[in-house]
Amino acid sequence: MSALPQKSFVEMTEEEYLAFERASQFKHEFRNGEVIAMVGASERHTLIAGSTHYSLYGQLRDRPIKVYLETMRVKIRAVKVNTYPDISVICGEPQFADREFDTLINPTLIIEVLSPSTETYDRGRKFSYYRALGSLQEYVLISQDSPHIERYIRQNHDGWLLTEAQGLEASIELTSIDCTLNLAEVYEQIDFTDTEP
């Protein structure tokens, strides 16, 4: 989930965090001992994430690839982070952190819908966390304010190549899962003449 962290709690171990999180009705991110509450997403954010999930699900439904919404937690062991991407995609068999099957450890593709309050985090520190996932091949950022998608794809020696698509007539290839995102579909319910409250 790309919502803005709101409040830090007393530091916890990861085991304490998981017990707390599984009993909580709200989502929290875990960053190396710090537990941070997440706020809800705007209507525009939710519609864009839903349209993107729908598009990918339709393209992947007959293939051994799974698409998860923001309720699925992702664990990044190397940096001791647990977080909630807006969309996670797994090629092949999903791997989970434990027998609760609620914390993925091997996403192939992660998508975040940018919010004004989280854009800096999603582009910077959070992307650095995601890069520590050996399984991750692509990272996608979707703007809320205009029809614009950025795709980062892993290169040799852990470099990342940026490709962008802009405008409702554009599309962008997601090569790690052999899919295409058409911006007209991603932004189908978004009226850019309105201003978001």
Protein backbone atom coordinates (compact mmCIF):
# COMPACT_ATOMS: atom_id res chain seq x y z
CA MET A 1 0.00 0.00 0.00
CA SER A 2 1.49 3.31 -0.96
CA ALA A 3 -0.33 5.42 1.59
CA LEU A 4 1.66 7.80 3.72
CA PRO A 5 3.12 6.47 6.96
CA GLN A 6 1.31 8.28 9.77
CA LYS A 7 2.52 7.21 13.17
CA SER A 8 5.45 5.29 14.62
CA PHE A 9 4.84 2.86 17.44
CA VAL A 10 7.26 1.45 19.97
CA GLU A 11 9.87 -0.62 18.20
CA MET A 12 9.03 -4.30 17.82
CA THR A 13 10.76 -7.42 16.67
CA GLU A 14 9.52 -8.79 13.38
CA GLU A 15 7.75 -11.63 15.20
CA GLU A 16 5.95 -9.12 17.45
CA TYR A 17 5.05 -7.04 14.40
CA LEU A 18 3.53 -10.01 12.56
CA ALA A 19 1.44 -11.01 15.58
CA PHE A 20 0.30 -7.39 15.99
CA GLU A 21 -0.38 -6.93 12.26
CA ARG A 22 -2.37 -10.13 11.88
CA ALA A 23 -4.63 -9.05 14.74
CA SER A 24 -5.03 -5.47 13.50
CA GLN A 25 -7.78 -4.20 11.24
CA PHE A 26 -5.40 -1.54 9.88
CA LYS A 27 -2.22 -1.94 7.85
CA HIS A 28 1.25 -1.12 9.13
CA GLU A 29 4.64 -1.17 7.47
CA PHE A 30 7.61 -2.70 9.29
CA ARG A 31 11.03 -1.11 8.75
CA ASN A 32 13.83 -2.81 10.65
CA GLY A 33 12.03 -2.68 13.99
CA GLU A 34 9.89 0.41 13.44
CA VAL A 35 6.14 -0.07 12.90
CA ILE A 36 4.41 2.64 10.88
CA ALA A 37 0.64 2.98 10.45
CA MET A 38 -0.66 3.53 6.92
CA VAL A 39 -3.55 5.81 5.94
CA GLY A 40 -6.22 4.89 3.41
CA ALA A 41 -6.03 5.64 -0.30
CA SER A 42 -8.01 8.23 -2.26
CA GLU A 43 -10.79 7.32 -4.68
CA ARG A 44 -8.57 8.10 -7.67
CA HIS A 45 -5.76 5.93 -6.29
CA THR A 46 -8.18 3.05 -5.68
CA LEU A 47 -9.74 3.28 -9.16
CA ILE A 48 -6.36 3.31 -10.91
CA ALA A 49 -5.08 0.36 -8.88
CA GLY A 50 -8.31 -1.56 -9.55
CA SER A 51 -8.24 -0.90 -13.30
CA THR A 52 -4.58 -1.94 -13.48
CA HIS A 53 -5.25 -5.15 -11.55
CA TYR A 54 -8.22 -5.92 -13.79
CA SER A 55 -6.16 -5.39 -16.96
CA LEU A 56 -3.34 -7.62 -15.76
CA TYR A 57 -5.67 -10.32 -14.43
CA GLY A 58 -7.42 -10.51 -17.80
CA GLN A 59 -4.11 -10.97 -19.61
CA LEU A 60 -2.72 -13.51 -17.12
CA ARG A 61 -5.72 -15.64 -16.17
CA ASP A 62 -4.67 -18.69 -18.23
CA ARG A 63 -0.99 -18.51 -17.27
CA PRO A 64 0.95 -19.63 -14.16
CA ILE A 65 1.23 -16.05 -12.93
CA LYS A 66 -0.63 -14.56 -9.97
CA VAL A 67 -1.65 -10.94 -9.41
CA TYR A 68 -2.16 -9.71 -5.84
CA LEU A 69 -3.78 -6.52 -4.56
CA GLU A 70 -2.52 -4.27 -1.75
CA THR A 71 -3.82 -6.58 0.96
CA MET A 72 -0.91 -8.98 0.30
CA ARG A 73 2.17 -8.14 2.35
CA VAL A 74 5.68 -8.41 0.86
CA LYS A 75 8.73 -9.16 2.99
CA ILE A 76 12.16 -7.90 1.97
CA ARG A 77 14.52 -9.97 4.10
CA ALA A 78 17.77 -8.20 3.17
CA VAL A 79 16.61 -4.88 4.65
CA LYS A 80 14.13 -6.21 7.26
CA VAL A 81 11.09 -4.54 5.70
CA ASN A 82 7.47 -5.70 5.41
CA THR A 83 5.23 -3.55 3.23
CA TYR A 84 2.09 -3.55 1.08
CA PRO A 85 2.63 -2.78 -2.63
CA ASP A 86 -0.48 -1.67 -4.53
CA ILE A 87 -0.03 -4.64 -6.88
CA SER A 88 2.40 -7.58 -6.76
CA VAL A 89 2.83 -10.14 -9.51
CA ILE A 90 4.43 -13.57 -9.09
CA CYS A 91 5.66 -15.75 -11.96
CA GLY A 92 5.53 -19.44 -11.11
CA GLU A 93 4.97 -20.59 -7.55
CA PRO A 94 4.54 -17.93 -4.87
CA GLN A 95 6.89 -18.25 -1.92
CA PHE A 96 5.74 -17.16 1.50
CA ALA A 97 7.64 -16.12 4.61
CA ASP A 98 5.80 -18.63 6.82
CA ARG A 99 2.82 -20.96 6.99
CA GLU A 100 0.29 -18.15 7.31
CA PHE A 101 0.61 -17.60 3.52
CA ASP A 102 0.06 -13.85 3.90
CA THR A 103 3.60 -12.53 3.29
CA LEU A 104 5.18 -12.94 -0.14
CA ILE A 105 8.95 -13.03 -0.59
CA ASN A 106 9.37 -13.49 -4.37
CA PRO A 107 7.50 -10.85 -6.42
CA THR A 108 8.53 -10.55 -10.07
CA LEU A 109 6.79 -7.21 -10.64
CA ILE A 110 5.65 -4.52 -8.19
CA ILE A 111 3.34 -1.63 -9.07
CA GLU A 112 2.77 1.48 -6.96
CA VAL A 113 0.18 4.17 -7.70
CA LEU A 114 1.79 7.47 -6.77
CA SER A 115 0.12 9.82 -4.30
CA PRO A 116 1.24 13.38 -3.56
CA SER A 117 2.04 12.32 0.00
CA THR A 118 4.05 9.19 -0.95
CA GLU A 119 5.67 9.95 -4.30
CA THR A 120 9.07 10.80 -2.84
CA TYR A 121 9.05 7.64 -0.69
CA ASP A 122 7.88 5.38 -3.56
CA ARG A 123 10.57 6.75 -5.90
CA GLY A 124 13.37 6.78 -3.36
CA ARG A 125 13.64 4.81 -0.17
CA LYS A 126 10.89 2.31 -0.98
CA PHE A 127 12.37 1.60 -4.42
CA SER A 128 15.74 0.99 -2.74
CA TYR A 129 14.04 -1.57 -0.46
CA TYR A 130 12.40 -3.28 -3.44
CA ARG A 131 15.71 -3.46 -5.32
CA ALA A 132 16.98 -5.74 -2.53
CA LEU A 133 14.48 -8.40 -3.71
CA GLY A 134 16.44 -10.78 -5.93
CA SER A 135 13.24 -11.93 -7.63
CA LEU A 136 12.11 -8.43 -8.65
CA GLN A 137 12.48 -7.77 -12.39
CA GLU A 138 10.24 -4.72 -12.90
CA TYR A 139 9.02 -1.79 -10.83
CA VAL A 140 6.16 0.35 -12.16
CA LEU A 141 5.03 3.77 -10.96
CA ILE A 142 1.61 5.06 -12.06
CA SER A 143 0.77 8.75 -11.73
CA GLN A 144 -2.59 9.89 -10.39
CA ASP A 145 -2.34 13.41 -11.73
CA SER A 146 -1.86 12.71 -15.43
CA PRO A 147 -1.82 9.66 -17.73
CA HIS A 148 1.81 8.74 -17.12
CA ILE A 149 3.49 5.41 -16.28
CA GLU A 150 7.15 4.79 -15.53
CA ARG A 151 8.64 1.31 -15.78
CA TYR A 152 12.01 0.33 -14.34
CA ILE A 153 13.42 -2.99 -15.54
CA ARG A 154 16.41 -4.73 -13.97
CA GLN A 155 19.53 -4.88 -16.13
CA ASN A 156 22.75 -6.82 -15.76
CA HIS A 157 24.78 -5.89 -12.67
CA ASP A 158 21.62 -4.64 -10.94
CA GLY A 159 21.21 -1.49 -13.01
CA TRP A 160 17.65 -0.36 -13.78
CA LEU A 161 16.45 0.97 -17.14
CA LEU A 162 13.61 3.51 -17.22
CA THR A 163 10.90 3.51 -19.89
CA GLU A 164 7.94 5.93 -19.83
CA ALA A 165 4.51 6.10 -21.43
CA GLN A 166 2.47 9.30 -21.46
CA GLY A 167 -1.00 10.10 -22.76
CA LEU A 168 -4.19 8.05 -22.95
CA GLU A 169 -3.27 6.72 -26.39
CA ALA A 170 0.02 5.25 -25.10
CA SER A 171 0.84 1.79 -23.79
CA ILE A 172 3.78 0.22 -22.01
CA GLU A 173 5.16 -3.31 -22.20
CA LEU A 174 5.79 -5.25 -19.01
CA THR A 175 8.36 -7.69 -20.33
CA SER A 176 8.82 -9.70 -17.11
CA ILE A 177 5.25 -10.97 -17.42
CA ASP A 178 4.69 -10.46 -21.18
CA CYS A 179 1.79 -8.05 -20.73
CA THR A 180 0.84 -4.59 -21.95
CA LEU A 181 -0.73 -1.79 -19.95
CA ASN A 182 -2.86 0.50 -22.11
CA LEU A 183 -3.11 3.85 -20.39
CA ALA A 184 -6.69 4.32 -21.63
CA GLU A 185 -7.64 1.21 -19.62
CA VAL A 186 -5.58 2.11 -16.54
CA TYR A 187 -7.21 5.56 -16.39
CA GLU A 188 -10.62 4.51 -17.71
CA GLN A 189 -12.62 5.99 -14.81
CA ILE A 190 -10.42 9.04 -14.20
CA ASP A 191 -11.54 12.50 -15.28
CA PHE A 192 -8.45 14.70 -15.51
CA THR A 193 -10.58 17.82 -15.88
CA ASP A 194 -11.59 17.46 -12.24
CA THR A 195 -9.28 18.27 -9.40
CA GLU A 196 -8.88 15.68 -6.69
CA PRO A 197 -10.25 16.83 -3.33
